[in-house]
Amino acid sequence: EEFGAVKKYMDETINRARELEYAETLLGRRRYLRDINSRNATLRGYTERNAINAPIQGTAADIIKKAMINIHAWLRDEKLATRMILQVHDELVFDAVQEEVAYITPKIKELMATALLLPHGVPLEVEVGSGRNWLQAH
């Protein structure tokens, strides 16, 4: 099967959630799933999908939060005028002084890419753009 590893992950994740009645992110945040063993097939199916989704989406949230903390600390320590002003899903938006853009870009990229080291050496790919507005930055 072409996606055998994905199916295996999904099955293992559901089985673990059935035992523990929760799913967790790589950083250990838990989502409790009280209906994972429900006799109601519709409710159980919904909860099983949550069991699969929670570790993925939750870990993504952990990563961006950790990156934001690290970037904020670096900007503060460097006494830069650039400010982080917005997070949208997996994107961060900064209000940067033009003179700082070349200096901050590689460091922000590094801090985002290394916010959390993923298992099996899976890299975090980070793209950086800049412009006078969000459209230009893309």
Protein backbone atom coordinates (compact mmCIF):
# COMPACT_ATOMS: atom_id res chain seq x y z
CA GLU A 1 0.00 0.00 0.00
CA GLU A 2 1.35 3.40 -1.01
CA PHE A 3 0.49 5.12 2.29
CA GLY A 4 1.02 2.15 4.59
CA ALA A 5 3.10 4.14 7.07
CA VAL A 6 0.35 6.76 7.35
CA LYS A 7 -2.28 4.08 7.96
CA LYS A 8 -0.04 2.48 10.58
CA TYR A 9 0.44 5.86 12.32
CA MET A 10 -3.31 6.48 12.33
CA ASP A 11 -4.11 3.03 13.72
CA GLU A 12 -1.42 3.26 16.41
CA THR A 13 -2.55 6.76 17.38
CA ILE A 14 -6.18 5.67 17.74
CA ASN A 15 -5.23 2.55 19.72
CA ARG A 16 -3.06 4.57 22.08
CA ALA A 17 -5.83 7.13 22.52
CA ARG A 18 -8.29 4.33 23.31
CA GLU A 19 -6.00 3.10 26.08
CA LEU A 20 -5.13 6.50 27.56
CA GLU A 21 -8.29 8.42 26.62
CA TYR A 22 -6.15 11.31 25.43
CA ALA A 23 -3.77 12.27 22.64
CA GLU A 24 -0.72 14.46 23.15
CA THR A 25 1.65 16.72 21.30
CA LEU A 26 5.40 16.16 21.08
CA LEU A 27 5.78 18.57 24.00
CA GLY A 28 3.29 16.60 26.09
CA ARG A 29 0.20 18.81 25.91
CA ARG A 30 -2.84 16.57 26.19
CA ARG A 31 -6.23 16.61 24.55
CA TYR A 32 -8.60 14.44 26.51
CA LEU A 33 -10.88 12.24 24.42
CA ARG A 34 -13.58 10.94 26.73
CA ASP A 35 -15.68 9.57 23.85
CA ILE A 36 -12.90 7.56 22.16
CA ASN A 37 -14.46 4.31 23.42
CA SER A 38 -18.09 5.33 22.92
CA ARG A 39 -20.60 2.76 21.69
CA ASN A 40 -22.06 5.49 19.48
CA ALA A 41 -20.19 4.97 16.19
CA THR A 42 -20.69 8.56 15.02
CA LEU A 43 -19.36 10.03 18.25
CA ARG A 44 -16.51 7.51 18.38
CA GLY A 45 -15.52 8.26 14.77
CA TYR A 46 -15.49 11.99 15.44
CA THR A 47 -13.30 11.45 18.51
CA GLU A 48 -10.96 9.12 16.59
CA ARG A 49 -10.42 11.85 14.00
CA ASN A 50 -9.63 14.25 16.84
CA ALA A 51 -7.15 11.71 18.22
CA ILE A 52 -5.30 11.71 14.89
CA ASN A 53 -5.48 15.47 14.38
CA ALA A 54 -4.60 16.66 17.90
CA PRO A 55 -0.94 15.54 17.94
CA ILE A 56 -0.32 17.03 14.49
CA GLN A 57 -2.11 20.37 14.86
CA GLY A 58 -1.19 20.64 18.53
CA THR A 59 2.50 20.08 17.82
CA ALA A 60 2.34 22.70 15.06
CA ALA A 61 0.91 25.13 17.63
CA ASP A 62 3.66 24.18 20.10
CA ILE A 63 6.31 24.85 17.46
CA ILE A 64 5.05 28.30 16.48
CA LYS A 65 4.63 29.31 20.14
CA LYS A 66 8.16 28.20 20.98
CA ALA A 67 9.51 30.02 17.92
CA MET A 68 7.67 33.18 18.96
CA ILE A 69 9.15 33.04 22.46
CA ASN A 70 12.67 32.52 21.08
CA ILE A 71 12.35 35.25 18.46
CA HIS A 72 10.88 37.75 20.92
CA ALA A 73 13.76 37.11 23.35
CA TRP A 74 16.35 37.50 20.58
CA LEU A 75 14.84 40.76 19.29
CA ARG A 76 14.75 42.11 22.85
CA ASP A 77 18.31 41.00 23.67
CA GLU A 78 19.62 42.52 20.44
CA LYS A 79 17.72 45.75 21.21
CA LEU A 80 16.27 45.84 17.71
CA ALA A 81 13.44 48.10 16.54
CA THR A 82 11.76 45.20 14.71
CA ARG A 83 8.60 43.93 16.40
CA MET A 84 6.66 40.72 15.96
CA ILE A 85 3.09 41.91 15.42
CA LEU A 86 0.99 39.00 14.20
CA GLN A 87 0.73 35.23 14.02
CA VAL A 88 -1.50 33.62 11.39
CA HIS A 89 -1.48 29.81 11.58
CA ASP A 90 2.16 28.93 10.84
CA GLU A 91 3.22 32.43 9.77
CA LEU A 92 4.70 35.27 11.75
CA VAL A 93 4.45 38.89 10.65
CA PHE A 94 6.96 41.52 11.74
CA ASP A 95 7.07 45.29 11.58
CA ALA A 96 10.72 45.68 10.62
CA VAL A 97 12.91 48.68 10.10
CA GLN A 98 14.33 48.44 6.57
CA GLU A 99 17.90 48.72 7.87
CA GLU A 100 17.39 45.61 10.04
CA VAL A 101 15.80 43.31 7.44
CA ALA A 102 19.05 41.79 6.13
CA TYR A 103 20.27 41.20 9.69
CA ILE A 104 17.10 39.70 11.16
CA THR A 105 15.97 37.51 8.25
CA PRO A 106 18.50 34.65 8.59
CA LYS A 107 18.23 34.62 12.39
CA ILE A 108 14.43 34.52 12.40
CA LYS A 109 14.55 31.71 9.83
CA GLU A 110 17.01 29.79 12.02
CA LEU A 111 14.99 30.33 15.20
CA MET A 112 11.83 29.10 13.49
CA ALA A 113 13.53 26.07 11.94
CA THR A 114 15.08 25.00 15.26
CA ALA A 115 12.18 25.83 17.59
CA LEU A 116 11.56 22.10 18.06
CA LEU A 117 13.67 19.25 16.75
CA LEU A 118 11.32 16.70 15.23
CA PRO A 119 11.76 12.93 15.52
CA HIS A 120 13.68 10.99 12.88
CA GLY A 121 15.53 14.11 11.76
CA VAL A 122 12.50 15.52 9.95
CA PRO A 123 13.44 19.10 9.04
CA LEU A 124 11.22 22.11 9.59
CA GLU A 125 11.16 24.01 6.32
CA VAL A 126 10.95 27.78 6.74
CA GLU A 127 10.35 30.35 4.01
CA VAL A 128 10.95 34.04 4.59
CA GLY A 129 9.64 36.95 2.57
CA SER A 130 9.68 40.69 3.02
CA GLY A 131 7.78 43.61 1.60
CA ARG A 132 5.87 46.73 2.48
CA ASN A 133 2.73 44.63 3.01
CA TRP A 134 1.70 41.00 3.45
CA LEU A 135 0.99 40.55 -0.28
CA GLN A 136 4.49 41.70 -1.26
CA ALA A 137 6.03 39.44 1.38
CA HIS A 138 4.49 36.41 -0.30
